[in-house]
PDB file of N, CA and C in Angstrom:
ATOM      1  N   MET A   1      25.387   6.152  27.523  1.00  0.00           N
ATOM      2  CA  MET A   1      25.508   7.660  28.133  1.00  0.00           C
ATOM      3  C   MET A   1      26.600   9.004  27.562  1.00  0.00           C
ATOM      4  N   GLY A   2      26.176   9.912  27.337  1.00  0.00           N
ATOM      5  CA  GLY A   2      26.822  10.632  26.235  1.00  0.00           C
ATOM      6  C   GLY A   2      28.395  11.266  26.947  1.00  0.00           C
ATOM      7  N   VAL A   3      29.102  11.763  26.308  1.00  0.00           N
ATOM      8  CA  VAL A   3      30.166  12.299  27.104  1.00  0.00           C
ATOM      9  C   VAL A   3      30.368  13.778  26.954  1.00  0.00           C
ATOM     10  N   ALA A   4      30.569  14.269  27.955  1.00  0.00           N
ATOM     11  CA  ALA A   4      30.716  15.833  28.147  1.00  0.00           C
ATOM     12  C   ALA A   4      32.151  16.374  27.853  1.00  0.00           C
ATOM     13  N   GLY A   5      31.761  17.875  26.740  1.00  0.00           N
ATOM     14  CA  GLY A   5      32.999  18.189  26.076  1.00  0.00           C
ATOM     15  C   GLY A   5      33.003  19.830  26.086  1.00  0.00           C
ATOM     16  N   TRP A   6      33.827  20.473  26.007  1.00  0.00           N
ATOM     17  CA  TRP A   6      34.291  21.782  25.199  1.00  0.00           C
ATOM     18  C   TRP A   6      33.959  21.973  23.998  1.00  0.00           C
ATOM     19  N   MET A   7      33.372  23.164  24.108  1.00  0.00           N
ATOM     20  CA  MET A   7      33.534  23.755  22.154  1.00  0.00           C
ATOM     21  C   MET A   7      34.036  25.491  22.270  1.00  0.00           C
ATOM     22  N   LEU A   8      34.887  25.600  21.660  1.00  0.00           N
ATOM     23  CA  LEU A   8      35.024  27.197  21.405  1.00  0.00           C
ATOM     24  C   LEU A   8      34.003  27.893  20.923  1.00  0.00           C
ATOM     25  N   GLU A   9      33.321  28.639  21.778  1.00  0.00           N
ATOM     26  CA  GLU A   9      32.439  30.173  21.111  1.00  0.00           C
ATOM     27  C   GLU A   9      32.729  30.968  20.422  1.00  0.00           C
ATOM     28  N   LYS A  10      33.735  31.710  20.895  1.00  0.00           N
ATOM     29  CA  LYS A  10      34.724  33.004  20.475  1.00  0.00           C
ATOM     30  C   LYS A  10      35.754  33.150  20.820  1.00  0.00           C
ATOM     31  N   THR A  11      36.657  33.652  20.332  1.00  0.00           N
ATOM     32  CA  THR A  11      38.001  34.154  20.545  1.00  0.00           C
ATOM     33  C   THR A  11      38.164  35.855  21.183  1.00  0.00           C
ATOM     34  N   ILE A  12      38.407  35.806  22.063  1.00  0.00           N
ATOM     35  CA  ILE A  12      38.631  37.255  22.582  1.00  0.00           C
ATOM     36  C   ILE A  12      39.664  37.983  22.624  1.00  0.00           C
ATOM     37  N   GLU A  13      40.010  38.773  22.019  1.00  0.00           N
ATOM     38  CA  GLU A  13      41.383  39.527  21.666  1.00  0.00           C
ATOM     39  C   GLU A  13      41.466  40.355  23.046  1.00  0.00           C
ATOM     40  N   LEU A  14      42.281  40.305  23.825  1.00  0.00           N
ATOM     41  CA  LEU A  14      42.170  40.507  25.266  1.00  0.00           C
ATOM     42  C   LEU A  14      42.918  42.156  24.912  1.00  0.00           C
ATOM     43  N   ASP A  15      44.072  42.397  24.558  1.00  0.00           N
ATOM     44  CA  ASP A  15      44.635  43.171  24.028  1.00  0.00           C
ATOM     45  C   ASP A  15      44.083  44.383  23.475  1.00  0.00           C
ATOM     46  N   ARG A  16      42.526  44.152  22.628  1.00  0.00           N
ATOM     47  CA  ARG A  16      42.349  45.403  21.994  1.00  0.00           C
ATOM     48  C   ARG A  16      40.960  45.679  23.307  1.00  0.00           C
ATOM     49  N   LEU A  17      40.338  44.845  23.502  1.00  0.00           N
ATOM     50  CA  LEU A  17      39.629  44.635  24.356  1.00  0.00           C
ATOM     51  C   LEU A  17      39.992  45.352  25.844  1.00  0.00           C
ATOM     52  N   LEU A  18      40.863  45.297  26.445  1.00  0.00           N
ATOM     53  CA  LEU A  18      41.075  46.137  27.747  1.00  0.00           C
ATOM     54  C   LEU A  18      41.931  47.523  27.187  1.00  0.00           C
ATOM     55  N   SER A  19      42.277  47.521  26.134  1.00  0.00           N
ATOM     56  CA  SER A  19      43.248  48.449  25.576  1.00  0.00           C
ATOM     57  C   SER A  19      44.473  48.648  25.915  1.00  0.00           C
ATOM     58  N   VAL A  20      45.077  47.409  25.606  1.00  0.00           N
ATOM     59  CA  VAL A  20      46.209  47.276  26.104  1.00  0.00           C
ATOM     60  C   VAL A  20      47.738  47.993  24.995  1.00  0.00           C
ATOM     61  N   GLU A  21      48.441  48.501  25.219  1.00  0.00           N
ATOM     62  CA  GLU A  21      49.305  49.466  24.748  1.00  0.00           C
ATOM     63  C   GLU A  21      50.028  48.704  23.758  1.00  0.00           C
ATOM     64  N   PRO A  22      50.053  49.167  22.300  1.00  0.00           N
ATOM     65  CA  PRO A  22      50.822  48.376  21.249  1.00  0.00           C
ATOM     66  C   PRO A  22      52.027  47.849  21.570  1.00  0.00           C
ATOM     67  N   GLY A  23      52.707  46.380  21.365  1.00  0.00           N
ATOM     68  CA  GLY A  23      53.728  46.089  21.489  1.00  0.00           C
ATOM     69  C   GLY A  23      54.410  46.383  23.047  1.00  0.00           C
ATOM     70  N   ARG A  24      53.472  46.089  24.071  1.00  0.00           N
ATOM     71  CA  ARG A  24      53.614  45.486  25.199  1.00  0.00           C
ATOM     72  C   ARG A  24      53.460  44.005  25.157  1.00  0.00           C
ATOM     73  N   ARG A  25      54.457  43.339  26.045  1.00  0.00           N
ATOM     74  CA  ARG A  25      54.856  41.809  25.846  1.00  0.00           C
ATOM     75  C   ARG A  25      54.696  41.752  27.947  1.00  0.00           C
ATOM     76  N   GLY A  26      54.170  40.837  28.056  1.00  0.00           N
ATOM     77  CA  GLY A  26      53.829  40.419  29.591  1.00  0.00           C
ATOM     78  C   GLY A  26      53.270  39.019  29.174  1.00  0.00           C
ATOM     79  N   ALA A  27      53.149  38.257  31.260  1.00  0.00           N
ATOM     80  CA  ALA A  27      52.708  37.187  30.957  1.00  0.00           C
ATOM     81  C   ALA A  27      51.647  36.796  30.576  1.00  0.00           C
ATOM     82  N   ALA A  28      50.943  35.608  30.187  1.00  0.00           N
ATOM     83  CA  ALA A  28      49.462  35.622  29.498  1.00  0.00           C
ATOM     84  C   ALA A  28      48.429  35.927  30.885  1.00  0.00           C
ATOM     85  N   PRO A  29      47.398  36.277  30.186  1.00  0.00           N
ATOM     86  CA  PRO A  29      46.452  36.483  31.560  1.00  0.00           C
ATOM     87  C   PRO A  29      46.268  35.396  31.865  1.00  0.00           C
ATOM     88  N   THR A  30      45.429  35.137  33.128  1.00  0.00           N
ATOM     89  CA  THR A  30      45.370  34.348  34.220  1.00  0.00           C
ATOM     90  C   THR A  30      43.830  34.253  33.951  1.00  0.00           C
ATOM     91  N   ILE A  31      43.057  33.372  34.367  1.00  0.00           N
ATOM     92  CA  ILE A  31      41.769  33.166  35.167  1.00  0.00           C
ATOM     93  C   ILE A  31      41.282  32.749  36.130  1.00  0.00           C
ATOM     94  N   LEU A  32      40.794  33.446  36.701  1.00  0.00           N
ATOM     95  CA  LEU A  32      41.282  33.639  38.401  1.00  0.00           C
ATOM     96  C   LEU A  32      39.534  33.055  38.446  1.00  0.00           C
ATOM     97  N   GLY A  33      38.941  33.056  38.281  1.00  0.00           N
ATOM     98  CA  GLY A  33      37.114  32.529  38.446  1.00  0.00           C
ATOM     99  C   GLY A  33      36.176  32.537  37.201  1.00  0.00           C
ATOM    100  N   PHE A  34      34.996  32.256  37.194  1.00  0.00           N
ATOM    101  CA  PHE A  34      33.768  32.382  36.345  1.00  0.00           C
ATOM    102  C   PHE A  34      32.452  32.186  37.176  1.00  0.00           C
ATOM    103  N   VAL A  35      31.568  33.131  36.547  1.00  0.00           N
ATOM    104  CA  VAL A  35      30.343  33.397  37.197  1.00  0.00           C
ATOM    105  C   VAL A  35      29.398  32.468  35.813  1.00  0.00           C
ATOM    106  N   GLU A  36      29.153  31.645  36.296  1.00  0.00           N
ATOM    107  CA  GLU A  36      28.655  30.587  35.067  1.00  0.00           C
ATOM    108  C   GLU A  36      27.224  31.120  35.221  1.00  0.00           C
ATOM    109  N   GLU A  37      26.317  31.394  35.800  1.00  0.00           N
ATOM    110  CA  GLU A  37      25.000  32.327  35.858  1.00  0.00           C
ATOM    111  C   GLU A  37      24.929  33.332  35.142  1.00  0.00           C
ATOM    112  N   HIS A  38      25.982  34.207  35.089  1.00  0.00           N
ATOM    113  CA  HIS A  38      26.130  35.547  34.285  1.00  0.00           C
ATOM    114  C   HIS A  38      26.644  35.843  33.279  1.00  0.00           C
ATOM    115  N   ASN A  39      27.788  34.524  32.850  1.00  0.00           N
ATOM    116  CA  ASN A  39      28.548  34.615  31.642  1.00  0.00           C
ATOM    117  C   ASN A  39      29.557  35.796  32.232  1.00  0.00           C
ATOM    118  N   LYS A  40      29.973  35.533  33.067  1.00  0.00           N
ATOM    119  CA  LYS A  40      31.304  36.757  33.511  1.00  0.00           C
ATOM    120  C   LYS A  40      32.594  35.729  33.941  1.00  0.00           C
ATOM    121  N   VAL A  41      33.926  36.457  33.342  1.00  0.00           N
ATOM    122  CA  VAL A  41      35.190  36.015  34.079  1.00  0.00           C
ATOM    123  C   VAL A  41      36.024  36.855  34.493  1.00  0.00           C
ATOM    124  N   LEU A  42      36.856  36.286  35.565  1.00  0.00           N
ATOM    125  CA  LEU A  42      37.448  37.035  36.250  1.00  0.00           C
ATOM    126  C   LEU A  42      39.028  36.605  35.574  1.00  0.00           C
ATOM    127  N   LEU A  43      39.981  37.939  35.177  1.00  0.00           N
ATOM    128  CA  LEU A  43      41.239  37.543  34.399  1.00  0.00           C
ATOM    129  C   LEU A  43      42.079  38.716  35.811  1.00  0.00           C
ATOM    130  N   CYS A  44      43.440  37.734  35.687  1.00  0.00           N
ATOM    131  CA  CYS A  44      44.078  38.433  36.107  1.00  0.00           C
ATOM    132  C   CYS A  44      45.650  38.704  35.207  1.00  0.00           C
ATOM    133  N   THR A  45      45.964  39.664  35.012  1.00  0.00           N
ATOM    134  CA  THR A  45      46.732  40.400  33.740  1.00  0.00           C
ATOM    135  C   THR A  45      47.849  41.214  34.314  1.00  0.00           C
ATOM    136  N   ASP A  46      48.816  41.649  33.526  1.00  0.00           N
ATOM    137  CA  ASP A  46      50.223  42.053  34.188  1.00  0.00           C
ATOM    138  C   ASP A  46      49.558  44.021  34.358  1.00  0.00           C
ATOM    139  N   ILE A  47      48.612  44.123  33.671  1.00  0.00           N
ATOM    140  CA  ILE A  47      48.142  45.421  34.061  1.00  0.00           C
ATOM    141  C   ILE A  47      46.733  45.994  34.796  1.00  0.00           C
ATOM    142  N   GLY A  48      46.229  44.745  35.551  1.00  0.00           N
ATOM    143  CA  GLY A  48      45.142  44.607  36.435  1.00  0.00           C
ATOM    144  C   GLY A  48      44.611  43.420  36.342  1.00  0.00           C
ATOM    145  N   ALA A  49      43.491  43.166  37.076  1.00  0.00           N
ATOM    146  CA  ALA A  49      42.154  42.071  37.380  1.00  0.00           C
ATOM    147  C   ALA A  49      41.084  42.872  36.857  1.00  0.00           C
ATOM    148  N   PHE A  50      40.287  42.227  36.021  1.00  0.00           N
ATOM    149  CA  PHE A  50      39.749  42.805  35.496  1.00  0.00           C
ATOM    150  C   PHE A  50      37.917  41.396  35.468  1.00  0.00           C
ATOM    151  N   MET A  51      36.896  42.243  35.901  1.00  0.00           N
ATOM    152  CA  MET A  51      35.738  41.449  34.986  1.00  0.00           C
ATOM    153  C   MET A  51      35.255  41.485  34.110  1.00  0.00           C
ATOM    154  N   VAL A  52      35.042  40.446  32.895  1.00  0.00           N
ATOM    155  CA  VAL A  52      34.811  40.755  31.807  1.00  0.00           C
ATOM    156  C   VAL A  52      33.246  39.867  31.618  1.00  0.00           C
ATOM    157  N   ASN A  53      32.305  40.363  30.682  1.00  0.00           N
ATOM    158  CA  ASN A  53      31.049  39.369  30.564  1.00  0.00           C
ATOM    159  C   ASN A  53      31.033  39.026  29.242  1.00  0.00           C
ATOM    160  N   LEU A  54      30.977  38.195  28.730  1.00  0.00           N
ATOM    161  CA  LEU A  54      31.452  37.113  27.802  1.00  0.00           C
ATOM    162  C   LEU A  54      30.084  37.591  26.827  1.00  0.00           C
ATOM    163  N   HIS A  55      29.104  37.840  27.136  1.00  0.00           N
ATOM    164  CA  HIS A  55      27.780  37.998  26.258  1.00  0.00           C
ATOM    165  C   HIS A  55      28.298  40.128  25.391  1.00  0.00           C
ATOM    166  N   SER A  56      28.158  40.443  26.168  1.00  0.00           N
ATOM    167  CA  SER A  56      28.579  42.038  25.684  1.00  0.00           C
ATOM    168  C   SER A  56      29.942  42.740  25.864  1.00  0.00           C
ATOM    169  N   MET A  57      30.730  42.122  26.160  1.00  0.00           N
ATOM    170  CA  MET A  57      32.134  42.118  26.101  1.00  0.00           C
ATOM    171  C   MET A  57      32.620  43.274  26.783  1.00  0.00           C
ATOM    172  N   GLN A  58      31.660  43.839  27.647  1.00  0.00           N
ATOM    173  CA  GLN A  58      32.351  44.730  28.505  1.00  0.00           C
ATOM    174  C   GLN A  58      32.593  44.231  29.637  1.00  0.00           C
ATOM    175  N   PHE A  59      33.489  45.387  30.234  1.00  0.00           N
ATOM    176  CA  PHE A  59      34.607  45.168  31.279  1.00  0.00           C
ATOM    177  C   PHE A  59      34.774  45.954  32.118  1.00  0.00           C
ATOM    178  N   LYS A  60      35.118  45.164  33.905  1.00  0.00           N
ATOM    179  CA  LYS A  60      35.617  46.475  34.799  1.00  0.00           C
ATOM    180  C   LYS A  60      36.714  46.033  35.764  1.00  0.00           C
ATOM    181  N   LYS A  61      37.127  47.027  35.555  1.00  0.00           N
ATOM    182  CA  LYS A  61      38.651  46.923  35.898  1.00  0.00           C
ATOM    183  C   LYS A  61      38.345  46.657  37.544  1.00  0.00           C
ATOM    184  N   LEU A  62      39.165  46.051  37.998  1.00  0.00           N
ATOM    185  CA  LEU A  62      38.618  45.621  39.667  1.00  0.00           C
ATOM    186  C   LEU A  62      40.087  46.165  40.884  1.00  0.00           C
ATOM    187  N   SER A  63      41.120  45.968  39.899  1.00  0.00           N
ATOM    188  CA  SER A  63      42.485  46.270  40.863  1.00  0.00           C
ATOM    189  C   SER A  63      43.653  46.310  40.055  1.00  0.00           C
ATOM    190  N   GLN A  64      44.082  47.206  40.760  1.00  0.00           N
ATOM    191  CA  GLN A  64      45.710  47.315  39.903  1.00  0.00           C
ATOM    192  C   GLN A  64      46.610  45.740  40.014  1.00  0.00           C
ATOM    193  N   THR A  65      46.384  44.811  40.817  1.00  0.00           N
ATOM    194  CA  THR A  65      47.162  43.809  41.181  1.00  0.00           C
ATOM    195  C   THR A  65      45.985  42.601  41.985  1.00  0.00           C
ATOM    196  N   MET A  66      46.512  41.664  41.949  1.00  0.00           N
ATOM    197  CA  MET A  66      45.450  40.548  42.777  1.00  0.00           C
ATOM    198  C   MET A  66      46.836  39.473  42.934  1.00  0.00           C
ATOM    199  N   GLU A  67      46.848  39.234  44.145  1.00  0.00           N
ATOM    200  CA  GLU A  67      47.765  37.601  44.292  1.00  0.00           C
ATOM    201  C   GLU A  67      46.756  36.555  43.159  1.00  0.00           C
ATOM    202  N   PRO A  68      47.660  35.493  43.080  1.00  0.00           N
ATOM    203  CA  PRO A  68      47.289  34.470  42.657  1.00  0.00           C
ATOM    204  C   PRO A  68      46.420  33.450  43.852  1.00  0.00           C
ATOM    205  N   GLY A  69      46.034  32.981  43.217  1.00  0.00           N
ATOM    206  CA  GLY A  69      44.606  32.306  44.016  1.00  0.00           C
ATOM    207  C   GLY A  69      43.510  31.704  43.125  1.00  0.00           C
ATOM    208  N   PHE A  70      42.801  31.079  44.413  1.00  0.00           N
ATOM    209  CA  PHE A  70      41.254  30.895  43.828  1.00  0.00           C
ATOM    210  C   PHE A  70      40.211  31.883  44.168  1.00  0.00           C
ATOM    211  N   TYR A  71      39.461  32.443  43.435  1.00  0.00           N
ATOM    212  CA  TYR A  71      38.707  33.190  43.602  1.00  0.00           C
ATOM    213  C   TYR A  71      37.118  33.078  42.804  1.00  0.00           C
ATOM    214  N   HIS A  72      35.778  33.583  43.527  1.00  0.00           N
ATOM    215  CA  HIS A  72      34.746  33.457  43.275  1.00  0.00           C
ATOM    216  C   HIS A  72      33.790  34.363  43.335  1.00  0.00           C
ATOM    217  N   PRO A  73      33.700  35.394  42.695  1.00  0.00           N
ATOM    218  CA  PRO A  73      32.669  36.638  42.726  1.00  0.00           C
ATOM    219  C   PRO A  73      31.527  36.418  43.410  1.00  0.00           C
ATOM    220  N   PHE A  74      31.380  36.918  44.489  1.00  0.00           N
ATOM    221  CA  PHE A  74      30.067  36.833  44.990  1.00  0.00           C
ATOM    222  C   PHE A  74      29.027  37.575  44.778  1.00  0.00           C
ATOM    223  N   THR A  75      27.493  37.128  44.556  1.00  0.00           N
ATOM    224  CA  THR A  75      27.242  37.318  43.949  1.00  0.00           C
ATOM    225  C   THR A  75      25.593  37.366  44.779  1.00  0.00           C
ATOM    226  N   SER A  76      24.637  38.567  44.867  1.00  0.00           N
ATOM    227  CA  SER A  76      23.137  38.165  45.692  1.00  0.00           C
ATOM    228  C   SER A  76      22.168  38.728  45.192  1.00  0.00           C
ATOM    229  N   PHE A  77      21.217  38.715  45.672  1.00  0.00           N
ATOM    230  CA  PHE A  77      20.494  39.344  45.078  1.00  0.00           C
ATOM    231  C   PHE A  77      18.486  39.523  45.741  1.00  0.00           C
ATOM    232  N   TYR A  78      17.796  40.139  45.652  1.00  0.00           N
ATOM    233  CA  TYR A  78      16.652  40.460  46.058  1.00  0.00           C
ATOM    234  C   TYR A  78      15.173  40.667  45.708  1.00  0.00           C
ATOM    235  N   THR A  79      14.091  39.427  46.043  1.00  0.00           N
ATOM    236  CA  THR A  79      12.883  39.533  45.705  1.00  0.00           C
ATOM    237  C   THR A  79      12.120  40.440  46.477  1.00  0.00           C
ATOM    238  N   LYS A  80      11.297  40.905  45.590  1.00  0.00           N
ATOM    239  CA  LYS A  80      10.189  42.346  46.351  1.00  0.00           C
ATOM    240  C   LYS A  80      10.240  41.734  47.569  1.00  0.00           C
ATOM    241  N   LYS A  81       9.719  40.405  47.895  1.00  0.00           N
ATOM    242  CA  LYS A  81       9.107  40.082  49.435  1.00  0.00           C
ATOM    243  C   LYS A  81      10.297  40.202  50.192  1.00  0.00           C
ATOM    244  N   MET A  82      11.578  39.913  49.843  1.00  0.00           N
ATOM    245  CA  MET A  82      12.529  40.591  50.774  1.00  0.00           C
ATOM    246  C   MET A  82      12.859  41.798  51.295  1.00  0.00           C
ATOM    247  N   LEU A  83      12.487  42.886  50.279  1.00  0.00           N
ATOM    248  CA  LEU A  83      12.721  44.534  50.662  1.00  0.00           C
ATOM    249  C   LEU A  83      11.719  44.764  51.687  1.00  0.00           C
ATOM    250  N   PRO A  84      12.409  45.848  52.776  1.00  0.00           N
ATOM    251  CA  PRO A  84      11.327  46.275  53.837  1.00  0.00           C
ATOM    252  C   PRO A  84      10.185  47.721  53.229  1.00  0.00           C
ATOM    253  N   GLU A  85       9.529  47.424  54.012  1.00  0.00           N
ATOM    254  CA  GLU A  85       8.120  48.417  53.199  1.00  0.00           C
ATOM    255  C   GLU A  85       8.250  49.538  53.718  1.00  0.00           C
TER     256      GLU A  85
END
């Protein structure tokens, strides 16, 4: 049997991505959740909570603050058959 492992795909410079002001020091970002199907990660930082798309490197600010804990972003979808006529 093979052994599962992790591999570094890319390094993300969050200070540049999230436009953190130069020289600002704070706590390290915390990963609150991950949406594997959509390659998105939910991060909590000193300047707010963010959802980051790991492919496009686009982000969306979700709130100014977030309580520590475990989060799972909710996703849903509709198929054409599910839509009302």
